[in-house]
C-alpha cells in the first residue's frame, strides 16, 4: 500500500477493491419476448476499504480529503510457478476511518473506506481497465466505452 507516496509494505492485512457495476435499466416494450437491459453509460458508486496495522499521523490526516491517491501492489503465484504482478491504483475521498478494537498484547488495526473517483487495474504492467468518473472515461481492454457519449455531448478530454 502506498498512500500519497508513503509506503505501508507488510502492514496491509485486507483490501476490498471497488465493485465495478454498470447501471442498467430494464426495458420492456410491445413485440419483445421479454425484458432487456439497456446500459445507462454510468457506474454505481465505487468504494474500497483497506486495513493496516499502523497507527501514524498520515492515515487519519487523509480523512475527508478531496483527492487522495492510493496504490496497492501485489503478486500472485500461478500453478506453473510464474508470478503475476497486480496493481490497483485509486483516487478518491476517504469517508471513513475506524481504529477498531484496541486490546493490549494484540495487533491493533486501522480500517479506512474510500469513495473512488478514479480506478485502474494493471496486470503485469498491462492496463486491464481504467475508470475516471469525473473525466467520464471507462477504458476496458483498451477500448473507451464512453468515448461516443463524450463526443455526442461535446465533452473534450485531455
Protein backbone atom coordinates (compact mmCIF):
# COMPACT_ATOMS: atom_id res chain seq x y z
CA UNK A 1 0.00 0.00 0.00
CA UNK A 2 1.20 3.46 -0.89
CA UNK A 3 -0.82 6.45 0.33
CA UNK A 4 0.19 9.64 -1.47
CA UNK A 5 3.63 8.07 -1.95
CA UNK A 6 4.13 6.82 1.63
CA UNK A 7 4.65 3.05 1.80
CA UNK A 8 2.99 0.58 4.17
CA UNK A 9 4.65 -2.62 2.93
CA UNK A 10 3.98 -5.59 5.19
CA UNK A 11 1.26 -3.76 7.14
CA UNK A 12 -1.83 -4.36 4.95
CA UNK A 13 -3.97 -7.24 6.19
CA UNK A 14 -7.00 -6.66 3.98
CA UNK A 15 -8.00 -4.89 0.78
CA UNK A 16 -11.53 -4.80 -0.60
CA UNK A 17 -11.30 -3.42 -4.12
CA UNK A 18 -14.21 -1.49 -5.62
CA UNK A 19 -17.01 -3.36 -7.29
CA UNK A 20 -17.34 -2.12 -10.86
CA UNK A 21 -21.02 -2.34 -11.73
CA UNK A 22 -22.73 -0.80 -14.71
CA UNK A 23 -26.08 0.90 -14.20
CA UNK A 24 -28.71 -0.59 -16.48
CA UNK A 25 -32.41 -0.01 -16.92
CA UNK A 26 -34.92 -2.77 -17.52
CA UNK A 27 -36.84 -2.18 -20.73
CA UNK A 28 -39.99 -3.88 -21.86
CA UNK A 29 -41.90 -2.94 -24.99
CA UNK A 30 -44.57 -4.43 -27.18
CA UNK A 31 -43.20 -7.01 -29.56
CA UNK A 32 -40.30 -8.03 -27.33
CA UNK A 33 -40.27 -11.55 -25.97
CA UNK A 34 -39.20 -10.28 -22.55
CA UNK A 35 -37.27 -7.56 -20.77
CA UNK A 36 -33.87 -6.38 -21.89
CA UNK A 37 -31.31 -4.32 -20.02
CA UNK A 38 -30.24 -1.03 -21.54
CA UNK A 39 -26.90 0.39 -20.36
CA UNK A 40 -27.11 3.92 -18.96
CA UNK A 41 -23.36 4.55 -19.55
CA UNK A 42 -22.86 5.16 -15.84
CA UNK A 43 -21.46 3.13 -12.95
CA UNK A 44 -22.63 2.51 -9.43
CA UNK A 45 -20.65 4.36 -6.73
CA UNK A 46 -17.32 2.62 -6.21
CA UNK A 47 -15.90 2.11 -2.72
CA UNK A 48 -12.71 0.50 -1.46
CA UNK A 49 -11.67 -0.45 2.06
CA UNK A 50 -8.32 -1.45 3.47
CA UNK A 51 -6.99 -2.49 6.83
CA UNK A 52 -3.46 -1.79 8.04
CA UNK A 53 -1.62 -2.49 11.27
CA UNK A 54 -0.19 1.00 11.54
CA UNK A 55 -1.06 3.91 13.77
CA UNK A 56 0.56 7.08 12.47
CA UNK A 57 -0.50 10.62 11.65
CA UNK A 58 -0.63 10.05 7.89
CA UNK A 59 -3.72 7.85 7.62
CA UNK A 60 -6.10 9.83 9.89
CA UNK A 61 -4.80 13.01 8.28
CA UNK A 62 -6.28 11.86 4.96
CA UNK A 63 -9.81 11.56 6.35
CA UNK A 64 -12.30 13.67 4.36
CA UNK A 65 -9.56 14.73 1.96
CA UNK A 66 -10.87 15.50 -1.50
CA UNK A 67 -8.25 13.82 -3.65
CA UNK A 68 -6.17 11.09 -2.08
CA UNK A 69 -4.12 8.66 -4.13
CA UNK A 70 -3.57 5.04 -3.09
CA UNK A 71 -1.73 2.25 -4.86
CA UNK A 72 -1.80 -1.40 -3.88
CA UNK A 73 0.81 -3.74 -5.33
CA UNK A 74 0.59 -7.47 -5.05
CA UNK A 75 1.94 -10.64 -6.58
CA UNK A 76 0.14 -13.90 -7.24
CA UNK A 77 1.91 -17.24 -7.68
CA UNK A 78 0.43 -19.23 -10.57
CA UNK A 79 0.13 -23.03 -10.79
CA UNK A 80 3.08 -23.14 -13.23
CA UNK A 81 5.35 -21.33 -10.75
CA UNK A 82 5.26 -17.97 -12.53
CA UNK A 83 4.45 -14.79 -10.64
CA UNK A 84 1.86 -12.26 -11.81
CA UNK A 85 2.17 -8.64 -10.71
CA UNK A 86 -1.13 -6.91 -9.90
CA UNK A 87 -1.63 -3.21 -9.13
CA UNK A 88 -4.76 -1.36 -8.06
CA UNK A 89 -4.50 2.41 -8.38
CA UNK A 90 -7.25 4.60 -6.94
CA UNK A 91 -8.00 8.25 -6.32
CA UNK A 92 -10.86 9.48 -4.24
CA UNK A 93 -12.06 10.67 -0.87
CA UNK A 94 -11.59 8.83 2.41
CA UNK A 95 -15.02 8.89 4.04
CA UNK A 96 -14.45 6.56 6.99
CA UNK A 97 -11.64 5.86 9.44
CA UNK A 98 -12.03 3.17 12.07
CA UNK A 99 -9.44 2.33 14.72
CA UNK A 100 -11.20 -0.94 15.55
CA UNK A 101 -10.85 -2.91 18.76
CA UNK A 102 -7.80 -1.83 20.74
CA UNK A 103 -6.62 -4.66 23.00
CA UNK A 104 -3.36 -4.97 24.93
CA UNK A 105 -0.99 -7.57 23.53
CA UNK A 106 -2.89 -7.77 20.23
CA UNK A 107 -2.32 -6.29 16.80
CA UNK A 108 -4.46 -3.18 16.51
CA UNK A 109 -5.70 -2.36 13.04
CA UNK A 110 -6.91 0.75 11.26
CA UNK A 111 -9.57 0.43 8.56
CA UNK A 112 -10.35 3.13 6.04
CA UNK A 113 -13.01 3.44 3.34
CA UNK A 114 -12.66 5.49 0.19
CA UNK A 115 -15.26 6.64 -2.30
CA UNK A 116 -13.35 6.02 -5.52
CA UNK A 117 -13.39 8.52 -8.39
CA UNK A 118 -10.57 7.03 -10.47
CA UNK A 119 -9.68 3.36 -10.54
CA UNK A 120 -7.36 1.28 -12.64
CA UNK A 121 -6.09 -2.27 -12.51
CA UNK A 122 -2.78 -3.35 -14.04
CA UNK A 123 -1.70 -6.96 -14.57
CA UNK A 124 1.99 -7.44 -15.36
CA UNK A 125 2.17 -3.80 -16.42
CA UNK A 126 -0.78 -4.05 -18.82
CA UNK A 127 -3.88 -1.99 -18.09
CA UNK A 128 -6.89 -4.29 -17.64
CA UNK A 129 -9.20 -1.32 -17.13
CA UNK A 130 -9.16 2.34 -16.20
CA UNK A 131 -12.16 4.27 -14.94
CA UNK A 132 -12.26 8.05 -14.44
CA UNK A 133 -15.69 9.15 -13.23
CA UNK A 134 -15.12 12.96 -13.33
CA UNK A 135 -13.37 12.66 -16.70
CA UNK A 136 -16.13 10.39 -18.00
CA UNK A 137 -13.72 7.70 -19.22
CA UNK A 138 -14.20 3.95 -18.96
CA UNK A 139 -11.43 2.07 -20.75
CA UNK A 140 -11.73 -1.71 -20.69
CA UNK A 141 -9.32 -3.85 -22.64
CA UNK A 142 -8.00 -0.76 -24.39
CA UNK A 143 -11.45 0.37 -25.60
CA UNK A 144 -13.03 3.56 -24.21
CA UNK A 145 -16.64 2.51 -23.70
CA UNK A 146 -17.82 6.10 -23.13
CA UNK A 147 -15.97 7.85 -25.98
CA UNK A 148 -19.03 8.07 -28.24
CA UNK A 149 -21.14 9.59 -25.46
CA UNK A 150 -18.48 12.22 -24.70
CA UNK A 151 -18.26 13.05 -28.39
CA UNK A 152 -22.04 13.35 -28.72
CA UNK A 153 -22.15 15.70 -25.71
CA UNK A 154 -19.20 17.77 -26.94
CA UNK A 155 -17.07 16.86 -23.91
CA UNK A 156 -13.36 17.05 -24.58
CA UNK A 157 -10.85 15.15 -22.50
CA UNK A 158 -7.11 15.66 -22.39
